C-alpha cells in the first residue's frame, strides 16, 4: 500500500442520493491531499441499511503533482466490489452509527 505519514479529519455529506466522503492524508515524501470518494446511496426497504455504490475516487486540494487531474472510475473498475451495505445501528438528528456488513467495522458520524 501507500505509506501514509498521517491521516487527518474525515467528513461525510449526504445530499440528494449522493454520499461524499473526504479524508485528509499526507503521503510520506510526496505531499498532502484530500481523498474524496463519491457514492450513490439509498436506504433499504426496511430503512435499516444504506446501500452504497462507490462511483469515483479522486485526490483534491493537494500538493501532489498531477493528482487532481486523475479521477479513478471506482464503479467501472471494481464492478460488484464497488457495492457496500452498511447496517444503521443508531440514527438521530445529530448522530449516525453504522456497521460495514463485510467486516463489522463501526463508523460514527456527528453532525457538524
C-alpha atoms as a PDB file:
ATOM      1  CA  UNK A   1       0.000   0.000   0.000  1.00  0.00           C
ATOM      2  CA  UNK A   2       0.854   3.684   0.002  1.00  0.00           C
ATOM      3  CA  UNK A   3       2.983   4.636   3.035  1.00  0.00           C
ATOM      4  CA  UNK A   4       0.816   7.270   4.739  1.00  0.00           C
ATOM      5  CA  UNK A   5       2.510   9.611   7.153  1.00  0.00           C
ATOM      6  CA  UNK A   6      -0.686  10.966   8.667  1.00  0.00           C
ATOM      7  CA  UNK A   7      -4.450  10.628   8.328  1.00  0.00           C
ATOM      8  CA  UNK A   8      -6.437  13.727   9.262  1.00  0.00           C
ATOM      9  CA  UNK A   9     -10.056  14.718   9.706  1.00  0.00           C
ATOM     10  CA  UNK A  10     -12.730  12.853   7.773  1.00  0.00           C
ATOM     11  CA  UNK A  11     -16.110  14.248   6.724  1.00  0.00           C
ATOM     12  CA  UNK A  12     -19.187  12.820   5.062  1.00  0.00           C
ATOM     13  CA  UNK A  13     -22.015  14.617   3.235  1.00  0.00           C
ATOM     14  CA  UNK A  14     -25.326  13.054   2.187  1.00  0.00           C
ATOM     15  CA  UNK A  15     -27.216  15.105  -0.390  1.00  0.00           C
ATOM     16  CA  UNK A  16     -29.832  14.027  -2.960  1.00  0.00           C
ATOM     17  CA  UNK A  17     -28.796  10.376  -3.080  1.00  0.00           C
ATOM     18  CA  UNK A  18     -25.049  11.160  -3.213  1.00  0.00           C
ATOM     19  CA  UNK A  19     -22.567  10.481  -0.432  1.00  0.00           C
ATOM     20  CA  UNK A  20     -19.237  12.323  -0.487  1.00  0.00           C
ATOM     21  CA  UNK A  21     -16.516  11.124   1.898  1.00  0.00           C
ATOM     22  CA  UNK A  22     -13.401  13.251   2.328  1.00  0.00           C
ATOM     23  CA  UNK A  23     -10.306  12.402   4.359  1.00  0.00           C
ATOM     24  CA  UNK A  24      -7.075  14.391   4.681  1.00  0.00           C
ATOM     25  CA  UNK A  25      -3.915  12.319   4.151  1.00  0.00           C
ATOM     26  CA  UNK A  26      -0.234  13.114   3.993  1.00  0.00           C
ATOM     27  CA  UNK A  27       1.768  10.817   1.733  1.00  0.00           C
ATOM     28  CA  UNK A  28       5.288  10.253   3.005  1.00  0.00           C
ATOM     29  CA  UNK A  29       7.746  12.315   0.945  1.00  0.00           C
ATOM     30  CA  UNK A  30       5.163  13.353  -1.662  1.00  0.00           C
ATOM     31  CA  UNK A  31       2.755  15.883  -0.138  1.00  0.00           C
ATOM     32  CA  UNK A  32      -0.743  16.339   1.256  1.00  0.00           C
ATOM     33  CA  UNK A  33      -4.111  15.642  -0.298  1.00  0.00           C
ATOM     34  CA  UNK A  34      -7.818  15.326   0.428  1.00  0.00           C
ATOM     35  CA  UNK A  35      -9.008  11.920  -0.809  1.00  0.00           C
ATOM     36  CA  UNK A  36     -12.605  12.235  -1.982  1.00  0.00           C
ATOM     37  CA  UNK A  37     -14.916   9.324  -2.729  1.00  0.00           C
ATOM     38  CA  UNK A  38     -18.351   9.881  -4.261  1.00  0.00           C
ATOM     39  CA  UNK A  39     -21.044   7.209  -3.989  1.00  0.00           C
ATOM     40  CA  UNK A  40     -24.718   6.756  -4.786  1.00  0.00           C
ATOM     41  CA  UNK A  41     -26.799   5.604  -1.844  1.00  0.00           C
ATOM     42  CA  UNK A  42     -30.308   4.564  -0.991  1.00  0.00           C
ATOM     43  CA  UNK A  43     -31.990   3.231   2.108  1.00  0.00           C
ATOM     44  CA  UNK A  44     -33.026  -0.413   2.194  1.00  0.00           C
ATOM     45  CA  UNK A  45     -36.751  -1.158   2.034  1.00  0.00           C
ATOM     46  CA  UNK A  46     -36.960  -1.544   5.826  1.00  0.00           C
ATOM     47  CA  UNK A  47     -34.737   1.516   6.477  1.00  0.00           C
ATOM     48  CA  UNK A  48     -32.109  -0.377   8.486  1.00  0.00           C
ATOM     49  CA  UNK A  49     -29.311  -0.285   5.902  1.00  0.00           C
ATOM     50  CA  UNK A  50     -27.628   2.084   3.475  1.00  0.00           C
ATOM     51  CA  UNK A  51     -26.952   0.506   0.092  1.00  0.00           C
ATOM     52  CA  UNK A  52     -23.969   2.308  -1.455  1.00  0.00           C
ATOM     53  CA  UNK A  53     -22.177   2.126  -4.788  1.00  0.00           C
ATOM     54  CA  UNK A  54     -18.779   3.848  -4.954  1.00  0.00           C
ATOM     55  CA  UNK A  55     -18.689   5.822  -8.224  1.00  0.00           C
ATOM     56  CA  UNK A  56     -15.382   7.722  -8.198  1.00  0.00           C
ATOM     57  CA  UNK A  57     -12.306   8.369  -6.086  1.00  0.00           C
ATOM     58  CA  UNK A  58     -10.161  11.487  -6.519  1.00  0.00           C
ATOM     59  CA  UNK A  59      -7.363  13.380  -4.778  1.00  0.00           C
ATOM     60  CA  UNK A  60      -8.325  17.075  -4.468  1.00  0.00           C
ATOM     61  CA  UNK A  61      -6.981  20.174  -2.681  1.00  0.00           C
ATOM     62  CA  UNK A  62      -3.499  18.740  -2.686  1.00  0.00           C
ATOM     63  CA  UNK A  63       0.189  19.288  -3.183  1.00  0.00           C
ATOM     64  CA  UNK A  64       0.723  16.007  -5.044  1.00  0.00           C
ATOM     65  CA  UNK A  65       1.845  16.564  -8.644  1.00  0.00           C
ATOM     66  CA  UNK A  66      -0.878  15.849 -11.252  1.00  0.00           C
ATOM     67  CA  UNK A  67      -3.133  14.114  -8.697  1.00  0.00           C
ATOM     68  CA  UNK A  68      -6.134  16.454  -9.127  1.00  0.00           C
ATOM     69  CA  UNK A  69      -6.296  15.662 -12.825  1.00  0.00           C
ATOM     70  CA  UNK A  70      -6.919  11.969 -12.125  1.00  0.00           C
ATOM     71  CA  UNK A  71     -10.367  10.596 -11.274  1.00  0.00           C
ATOM     72  CA  UNK A  72     -10.438   6.852 -10.591  1.00  0.00           C
ATOM     73  CA  UNK A  73     -13.632   5.276 -12.003  1.00  0.00           C
ATOM     74  CA  UNK A  74     -14.251   3.068  -8.960  1.00  0.00           C
ATOM     75  CA  UNK A  75     -17.623   1.686 -10.068  1.00  0.00           C
ATOM     76  CA  UNK A  76     -16.481   0.899 -13.622  1.00  0.00           C
ATOM     77  CA  UNK A  77     -13.228  -0.677 -12.488  1.00  0.00           C
ATOM     78  CA  UNK A  78     -14.441  -2.555  -9.385  1.00  0.00           C
ATOM     79  CA  UNK A  79     -17.860  -3.705 -10.632  1.00  0.00           C
ATOM     80  CA  UNK A  80     -19.769  -5.552  -7.880  1.00  0.00           C
ATOM     81  CA  UNK A  81     -16.917  -4.866  -5.421  1.00  0.00           C
ATOM     82  CA  UNK A  82     -17.871  -1.162  -5.527  1.00  0.00           C
ATOM     83  CA  UNK A  83     -21.123  -2.019  -3.700  1.00  0.00           C
ATOM     84  CA  UNK A  84     -21.280  -1.724   0.096  1.00  0.00           C
ATOM     85  CA  UNK A  85     -24.055  -2.469   2.598  1.00  0.00           C
ATOM     86  CA  UNK A  86     -23.945  -0.618   5.896  1.00  0.00           C
ATOM     87  CA  UNK A  87     -26.282  -1.538   8.746  1.00  0.00           C
ATOM     88  CA  UNK A  88     -27.615   1.538  10.557  1.00  0.00           C
ATOM     89  CA  UNK A  89     -27.445   0.834  14.295  1.00  0.00           C
ATOM     90  CA  UNK A  90     -28.355   4.318  15.587  1.00  0.00           C
ATOM     91  CA  UNK A  91     -29.741   7.453  13.967  1.00  0.00           C
ATOM     92  CA  UNK A  92     -30.973  10.787  15.300  1.00  0.00           C
ATOM     93  CA  UNK A  93     -30.713  14.434  14.255  1.00  0.00           C
ATOM     94  CA  UNK A  94     -27.071  14.742  15.389  1.00  0.00           C
ATOM     95  CA  UNK A  95     -25.557  11.248  15.341  1.00  0.00           C
ATOM     96  CA  UNK A  96     -25.357   8.334  12.879  1.00  0.00           C
ATOM     97  CA  UNK A  97     -23.718   4.994  13.684  1.00  0.00           C
ATOM     98  CA  UNK A  98     -23.434   2.215  11.163  1.00  0.00           C
ATOM     99  CA  UNK A  99     -21.528  -1.015  10.637  1.00  0.00           C
ATOM    100  CA  UNK A 100     -19.971  -2.286   7.451  1.00  0.00           C
ATOM    101  CA  UNK A 101     -21.648  -5.613   6.664  1.00  0.00           C
ATOM    102  CA  UNK A 102     -18.421  -7.073   5.230  1.00  0.00           C
ATOM    103  CA  UNK A 103     -16.204  -6.840   8.324  1.00  0.00           C
ATOM    104  CA  UNK A 104     -18.478  -5.325  11.013  1.00  0.00           C
ATOM    105  CA  UNK A 105     -16.358  -2.150  11.356  1.00  0.00           C
ATOM    106  CA  UNK A 106     -18.141   0.632  13.262  1.00  0.00           C
ATOM    107  CA  UNK A 107     -18.420   4.157  11.811  1.00  0.00           C
ATOM    108  CA  UNK A 108     -19.665   7.095  13.911  1.00  0.00           C
ATOM    109  CA  UNK A 109     -20.679  10.388  12.280  1.00  0.00           C
ATOM    110  CA  UNK A 110     -21.544  13.544  14.211  1.00  0.00           C
ATOM    111  CA  UNK A 111     -23.457  16.358  12.550  1.00  0.00           C
ATOM    112  CA  UNK A 112     -21.255  19.450  12.321  1.00  0.00           C
END
